[in-house]
Structures are given as structure tokens and as C-alpha cells.
C-alpha atoms as a PDB file:
ATOM      1  CA  MET A   1       0.000   0.000   0.000  1.00  0.00           C
ATOM      2  CA  PRO A   2       1.550   3.352  -0.988  1.00  0.00           C
ATOM      3  CA  LEU A   3       2.209   5.952   1.648  1.00  0.00           C
ATOM      4  CA  ARG A   4      -0.490   8.552   1.965  1.00  0.00           C
ATOM      5  CA  THR A   5       0.563  11.978   0.745  1.00  0.00           C
ATOM      6  CA  PRO A   6       0.201  14.961   3.077  1.00  0.00           C
ATOM      7  CA  ASN A   7      -2.948  17.035   2.743  1.00  0.00           C
ATOM      8  CA  ASN A   8      -0.937  20.250   2.913  1.00  0.00           C
ATOM      9  CA  PRO A   9       0.800  20.842  -0.418  1.00  0.00           C
ATOM     10  CA  ILE A  10       3.364  23.056   1.332  1.00  0.00           C
ATOM     11  CA  THR A  11       5.198  20.567   3.525  1.00  0.00           C
ATOM     12  CA  SER A  12       8.058  21.809   5.655  1.00  0.00           C
ATOM     13  CA  ALA A  13      10.576  20.339   3.173  1.00  0.00           C
ATOM     14  CA  ILE A  14       8.992  22.226   0.249  1.00  0.00           C
ATOM     15  CA  LEU A  15       8.803  25.441   2.260  1.00  0.00           C
ATOM     16  CA  LEU A  16      12.463  25.313   3.353  1.00  0.00           C
ATOM     17  CA  ALA A  17      13.703  24.477  -0.144  1.00  0.00           C
ATOM     18  CA  GLY A  18      11.659  27.365  -1.560  1.00  0.00           C
ATOM     19  CA  MET A  19      13.121  29.790   0.978  1.00  0.00           C
ATOM     20  CA  ALA A  20      16.804  29.091   0.190  1.00  0.00           C
ATOM     21  CA  PRO A  21      17.202  31.366  -2.862  1.00  0.00           C
ATOM     22  CA  ILE A  22      15.115  34.096  -1.213  1.00  0.00           C
ATOM     23  CA  ILE A  23      17.308  34.078   1.897  1.00  0.00           C
ATOM     24  CA  ALA A  24      20.643  34.343   0.058  1.00  0.00           C
ATOM     25  CA  ALA A  25      19.762  37.272  -2.221  1.00  0.00           C
ATOM     26  CA  ASN A  26      21.711  40.501  -1.606  1.00  0.00           C
ATOM     27  CA  THR A  27      23.665  39.123   1.360  1.00  0.00           C
ATOM     28  CA  ALA A  28      27.315  38.226   2.000  1.00  0.00           C
ATOM     29  CA  LEU A  29      26.288  34.619   1.293  1.00  0.00           C
ATOM     30  CA  THR A  30      26.546  35.452  -2.424  1.00  0.00           C
ATOM     31  CA  THR A  31      30.299  36.124  -2.051  1.00  0.00           C
ATOM     32  CA  VAL A  32      31.338  32.999  -0.120  1.00  0.00           C
ATOM     33  CA  ASN A  33      31.650  30.411  -2.878  1.00  0.00           C
ATOM     34  CA  PRO A  34      33.092  31.783  -6.141  1.00  0.00           C
ATOM     35  CA  ALA A  35      31.425  28.917  -8.047  1.00  0.00           C
ATOM     36  CA  ASP A  36      27.980  30.042  -6.837  1.00  0.00           C
ATOM     37  CA  PRO A  37      27.180  33.757  -7.144  1.00  0.00           C
ATOM     38  CA  THR A  38      23.583  33.103  -5.979  1.00  0.00           C
ATOM     39  CA  GLY A  39      24.683  32.054  -2.472  1.00  0.00           C
ATOM     40  CA  VAL A  40      22.269  29.122  -2.472  1.00  0.00           C
ATOM     41  CA  SER A  41      25.145  26.637  -2.032  1.00  0.00           C
ATOM     42  CA  VAL A  42      25.738  27.964   1.491  1.00  0.00           C
ATOM     43  CA  VAL A  43      22.074  27.804   2.536  1.00  0.00           C
ATOM     44  CA  TYR A  44      21.594  24.328   4.000  1.00  0.00           C
ATOM     45  CA  VAL A  45      18.273  22.665   4.732  1.00  0.00           C
ATOM     46  CA  ARG A  46      18.365  20.616   7.939  1.00  0.00           C
ATOM     47  CA  SER A  47      22.019  19.866   7.326  1.00  0.00           C
ATOM     48  CA  ARG A  48      24.237  21.456   9.958  1.00  0.00           C
ATOM     49  CA  TYR A  49      26.791  18.638   9.770  1.00  0.00           C
ATOM     50  CA  ASN A  50      27.117  19.021   6.008  1.00  0.00           C
ATOM     51  CA  MET A  51      27.441  22.775   6.470  1.00  0.00           C
ATOM     52  CA  ALA A  52      30.255  22.377   9.006  1.00  0.00           C
ATOM     53  CA  SER A  53      32.150  19.896   6.833  1.00  0.00           C
ATOM     54  CA  LYS A  54      32.051  22.036   3.663  1.00  0.00           C
ATOM     55  CA  GLY A  55      33.973  24.894   5.266  1.00  0.00           C
ATOM     56  CA  PHE A  56      32.310  27.789   3.428  1.00  0.00           C
ATOM     57  CA  PHE A  57      31.288  30.534   5.857  1.00  0.00           C
ATOM     58  CA  PRO A  58      29.223  32.526   6.500  1.00  0.00           C
ATOM     59  CA  ALA A  59      26.494  29.973   5.940  1.00  0.00           C
ATOM     60  CA  VAL A  60      22.855  29.462   6.900  1.00  0.00           C
ATOM     61  CA  ASN A  61      21.082  26.354   8.148  1.00  0.00           C
ATOM     62  CA  LEU A  62      17.293  26.165   7.874  1.00  0.00           C
ATOM     63  CA  THR A  63      15.242  24.065  10.269  1.00  0.00           C
ATOM     64  CA  THR A  64      11.664  24.045  11.455  1.00  0.00           C
ATOM     65  CA  GLY A  65      10.329  24.665  14.898  1.00  0.00           C
ATOM     66  CA  ASN A  66       6.774  24.128  16.062  1.00  0.00           C
ATOM     67  CA  GLN A  67       4.117  23.491  13.450  1.00  0.00           C
ATOM     68  CA  LYS A  68       0.376  23.784  13.938  1.00  0.00           C
ATOM     69  CA  ALA A  69      -2.671  22.972  11.879  1.00  0.00           C
ATOM     70  CA  ASN A  70      -5.923  24.673  12.830  1.00  0.00           C
ATOM     71  CA  ILE A  71      -9.317  23.822  11.393  1.00  0.00           C
ATOM     72  CA  GLU A  72     -10.568  26.813   9.422  1.00  0.00           C
ATOM     73  CA  ALA A  73     -13.686  25.349   7.805  1.00  0.00           C
ATOM     74  CA  GLN A  74     -15.450  21.984   7.581  1.00  0.00           C
ATOM     75  CA  LEU A  75     -12.825  20.421   5.326  1.00  0.00           C
ATOM     76  CA  GLU A  76     -10.021  22.985   5.482  1.00  0.00           C
ATOM     77  CA  TYR A  77      -6.990  23.430   7.685  1.00  0.00           C
ATOM     78  CA  ALA A  78      -4.391  26.175   7.856  1.00  0.00           C
ATOM     79  CA  GLY A  79      -1.601  26.812  10.227  1.00  0.00           C
ATOM     80  CA  PRO A  80       1.716  28.349  11.108  1.00  0.00           C
ATOM     81  CA  ILE A  81       5.160  26.820  11.035  1.00  0.00           C
ATOM     82  CA  VAL A  82       8.203  28.337  12.718  1.00  0.00           C
ATOM     83  CA  VAL A  83      11.233  28.465  10.439  1.00  0.00           C
ATOM     84  CA  ASN A  84      14.624  28.816  12.149  1.00  0.00           C
ATOM     85  CA  ILE A  85      17.165  30.586   9.976  1.00  0.00           C
ATOM     86  CA  THR A  86      20.498  30.249  11.760  1.00  0.00           C
ATOM     87  CA  TYR A  87      23.317  32.324  10.309  1.00  0.00           C
ATOM     88  CA  TYR A  88      26.775  30.983  11.157  1.00  0.00           C
ATOM     89  CA  ALA A  89      30.262  32.486  10.957  1.00  0.00           C
ATOM     90  CA  ARG A  90      33.596  31.007  12.018  1.00  0.00           C
ATOM     91  CA  TRP A  91      35.522  33.363  14.214  1.00  0.00           C
ATOM     92  CA  ASP A  92      38.822  31.560  13.588  1.00  0.00           C
ATOM     93  CA  GLN A  93      38.565  32.365   9.854  1.00  0.00           C
ATOM     94  CA  ASN A  94      37.237  35.861  10.236  1.00  0.00           C
ATOM     95  CA  ASN A  95      39.321  39.017   9.806  1.00  0.00           C
ATOM     96  CA  LEU A  96      37.355  40.709  12.568  1.00  0.00           C
ATOM     97  CA  GLN A  97      38.911  40.478  16.002  1.00  0.00           C
ATOM     98  CA  THR A  98      36.077  40.038  18.468  1.00  0.00           C
ATOM     99  CA  GLN A  99      32.844  38.112  18.646  1.00  0.00           C
ATOM    100  CA  GLU A 100      31.010  41.397  19.036  1.00  0.00           C
ATOM    101  CA  GLU A 101      32.428  42.681  15.741  1.00  0.00           C
ATOM    102  CA  ILE A 102      31.431  39.440  14.012  1.00  0.00           C
ATOM    103  CA  ILE A 103      27.901  39.781  15.396  1.00  0.00           C
ATOM    104  CA  VAL A 104      27.663  43.349  14.115  1.00  0.00           C
ATOM    105  CA  ALA A 105      28.723  42.136  10.664  1.00  0.00           C
ATOM    106  CA  MET A 106      26.138  39.322  10.840  1.00  0.00           C
ATOM    107  CA  ASP A 107      23.369  41.777  11.749  1.00  0.00           C
ATOM    108  CA  ALA A 108      23.371  43.411   8.324  1.00  0.00           C
ATOM    109  CA  ASP A 109      22.731  40.057   6.662  1.00  0.00           C
ATOM    110  CA  ILE A 110      20.134  38.961   9.216  1.00  0.00           C
ATOM    111  CA  GLU A 111      18.213  42.188   8.586  1.00  0.00           C
ATOM    112  CA  ARG A 112      18.573  41.744   4.799  1.00  0.00           C
ATOM    113  CA  ILE A 113      17.278  38.175   5.076  1.00  0.00           C
ATOM    114  CA  GLN A 114      14.277  39.430   7.023  1.00  0.00           C
ATOM    115  CA  ALA A 115      13.615  42.089   4.363  1.00  0.00           C
ATOM    116  CA  ASN A 116      13.907  39.435   1.622  1.00  0.00           C
ATOM    117  CA  LEU A 117      11.326  37.292   3.413  1.00  0.00           C
ATOM    118  CA  GLU A 118       9.009  40.252   3.979  1.00  0.00           C
ATOM    119  CA  ASP A 119       9.025  40.877   0.213  1.00  0.00           C
ATOM    120  CA  TRP A 120       8.599  37.164  -0.572  1.00  0.00           C
ATOM    121  CA  SER A 121       5.642  36.875   1.810  1.00  0.00           C
ATOM    122  CA  SER A 122       3.673  39.269  -0.380  1.00  0.00           C
ATOM    123  CA  ILE A 123       4.444  37.185  -3.501  1.00  0.00           C
ATOM    124  CA  GLY A 124       3.862  33.656  -2.196  1.00  0.00           C
ATOM    125  CA  LEU A 125       5.344  30.261  -2.997  1.00  0.00           C
ATOM    126  CA  THR A 126       4.986  28.454  -6.300  1.00  0.00           C
ATOM    127  CA  VAL A 127       5.271  24.666  -6.301  1.00  0.00           C
ATOM    128  CA  GLY A 128       5.627  23.489  -9.877  1.00  0.00           C
ATOM    129  CA  THR A 129       3.196  25.787 -11.616  1.00  0.00           C
ATOM    130  CA  ILE A 130       0.746  26.110  -8.729  1.00  0.00           C
ATOM    131  CA  PRO A 131       0.959  29.253  -6.587  1.00  0.00           C
ATOM    132  CA  TYR A 132       0.243  28.948  -2.856  1.00  0.00           C
ATOM    133  CA  GLY A 133      -0.425  31.751  -0.464  1.00  0.00           C
ATOM    134  CA  ILE A 134       1.832  32.245   2.522  1.00  0.00           C
ATOM    135  CA  SER A 135       2.276  35.065   4.960  1.00  0.00           C
ATOM    136  CA  ILE A 136       4.945  35.818   7.524  1.00  0.00           C
ATOM    137  CA  PRO A 137       3.261  37.859  10.254  1.00  0.00           C
ATOM    138  CA  SER A 138       6.147  37.890  12.706  1.00  0.00           C
ATOM    139  CA  PHE A 139       9.902  37.563  13.069  1.00  0.00           C
ATOM    140  CA  SER A 140      12.226  37.339  16.043  1.00  0.00           C
ATOM    141  CA  ILE A 141      16.009  37.485  16.206  1.00  0.00           C
ATOM    142  CA  SER A 142      18.179  35.869  18.860  1.00  0.00           C
ATOM    143  CA  PRO A 143      20.059  38.148  21.282  1.00  0.00           C
ATOM    144  CA  ASP A 144      23.196  40.052  20.273  1.00  0.00           C
ATOM    145  CA  LYS A 145      25.404  37.778  22.365  1.00  0.00           C
ATOM    146  CA  GLY A 146      25.302  35.204  19.574  1.00  0.00           C
ATOM    147  CA  GLU A 147      25.068  31.458  19.931  1.00  0.00           C
ATOM    148  CA  ILE A 148      28.411  29.719  20.396  1.00  0.00           C
ATOM    149  CA  ASP A 149      28.321  26.285  18.787  1.00  0.00           C
ATOM    150  CA  SER A 150      31.195  23.965  19.632  1.00  0.00           C
ATOM    151  CA  THR A 151      29.513  20.803  18.337  1.00  0.00           C
ATOM    152  CA  PHE A 152      32.172  20.280  15.678  1.00  0.00           C
ATOM    153  CA  PRO A 153      35.780  19.978  16.938  1.00  0.00           C
ATOM    154  CA  GLY A 154      38.028  22.459  15.162  1.00  0.00           C
ATOM    155  CA  VAL A 155      35.073  24.389  13.718  1.00  0.00           C
ATOM    156  CA  PRO A 156      34.248  27.167  16.175  1.00  0.00           C
ATOM    157  CA  LEU A 157      30.950  28.662  15.065  1.00  0.00           C
ATOM    158  CA  LEU A 158      29.119  31.761  16.152  1.00  0.00           C
ATOM    159  CA  GLY A 159      25.476  31.954  15.137  1.00  0.00           C
ATOM    160  CA  ARG A 160      22.381  34.087  15.307  1.00  0.00           C
ATOM    161  CA  THR A 161      18.905  32.847  14.619  1.00  0.00           C
ATOM    162  CA  LEU A 162      16.108  34.632  12.832  1.00  0.00           C
ATOM    163  CA  GLN A 163      12.785  32.925  13.450  1.00  0.00           C
ATOM    164  CA  ALA A 164      10.004  33.471  10.940  1.00  0.00           C
ATOM    165  CA  MET A 165       6.432  32.490  11.728  1.00  0.00           C
ATOM    166  CA  VAL A 166       5.124  31.347   8.348  1.00  0.00           C
ATOM    167  CA  ASN A 167       1.387  30.914   7.822  1.00  0.00           C
ATOM    168  CA  ARG A 168       0.626  28.349   5.186  1.00  0.00           C
ATOM    169  CA  MET A 169      -2.774  29.193   3.821  1.00  0.00           C
ATOM    170  CA  GLY A 170      -5.731  26.830   3.908  1.00  0.00           C
ATOM    171  CA  TYR A 171      -5.726  23.412   2.306  1.00  0.00           C
ATOM    172  CA  GLY A 172      -8.467  20.849   1.841  1.00  0.00           C
ATOM    173  CA  VAL A 173      -8.614  17.504   3.663  1.00  0.00           C
ATOM    174  CA  GLY A 174     -11.014  15.335   1.737  1.00  0.00           C
ATOM    175  CA  ARG A 175     -14.479  15.678   0.398  1.00  0.00           C
ATOM    176  CA  ALA A 176     -17.915  16.165   1.835  1.00  0.00           C
ATOM    177  CA  SER A 177     -20.144  13.095   2.200  1.00  0.00           C
END
């Protein structure tokens, strides 16, 4: 018996993959890998270990937080999903001297990423040829102190997280009897 497909056409995997090129635009991510002027090669989807092993920084890792589905009508659900956009830099490969200076440099890109997503929210997400409505009603950014990540020996990372609350618009769940 084949696996049942999700009712929501915008699964978290589709949403994160669709966000990658939007996130990288007009940021320092476009200058990291000379072979990729779009910056998409340093936007990872649920792949922090792959990100750390590649060695290109700054880089972004996308993950999801809480997801909800709320009934909106008899056969329709809609709901928010939290997207964590964690921007990483290596302070051992950075020309800047202090963590505070690295964080200040990261801020410009975090704010640009937020602006990119604000613009994208008004356009929506297209899967194949089908457009789907999304909205991003709120954002939050982690504190200025940064997040020190020492998970990977020899790869000292400093990160900041931008959280976007993404509303995936209503989707049907069957048919009326």
C-alpha cells in the first residue's frame, strides 16, 4: 500500500527548499563560494553537519520549529510553522577580532534576510506551476550575544537565529459526504 501523501501541499521540506534562494539574495552569502554567485550553495536545509564539513562561511542552516494545523472550515486546515534561519560564521577564519564585531557584521545580513522574506511573503510560494499563499506575520532574532556552537571539533561557530512564523494558507482535507 503506498504511503499517503500529506494534505498540505506546502510541507516543511517544500517550504524550506523554496526559501533558500530568497534568503541568500543581496547578502554576504553570495560572495562565499566563487562557483555560486547566488549564495544558495551555502544555505543548508536541515544539514548542519554538512554545512560544518564544507567549510564555506558565513552559511545558513534552515530548520523548522513548532508546526500547527488549525481547522478553518469543515474540510479545510491552515496553520503556522516556525522556520529557524540560523546564520553561522567562524571566528577563527574571520578578519574581525572580536565576537562582538562578528555579530555586528552578521546583523546586516540577518536584517537583509528578514527584508527578503518580507518581500517574498507578499508574492507567495509556487510549487511546480501552482501558486500557494503564505504570509509571515512575525519575526524574532536571537540576542546580540550570539550562539556559540562547539559541536564540531576544530570548527568554532558563532550563530544568530532569525525565526520566521510562516502561515501556510488553507488546504483541503477530503471531500464532503
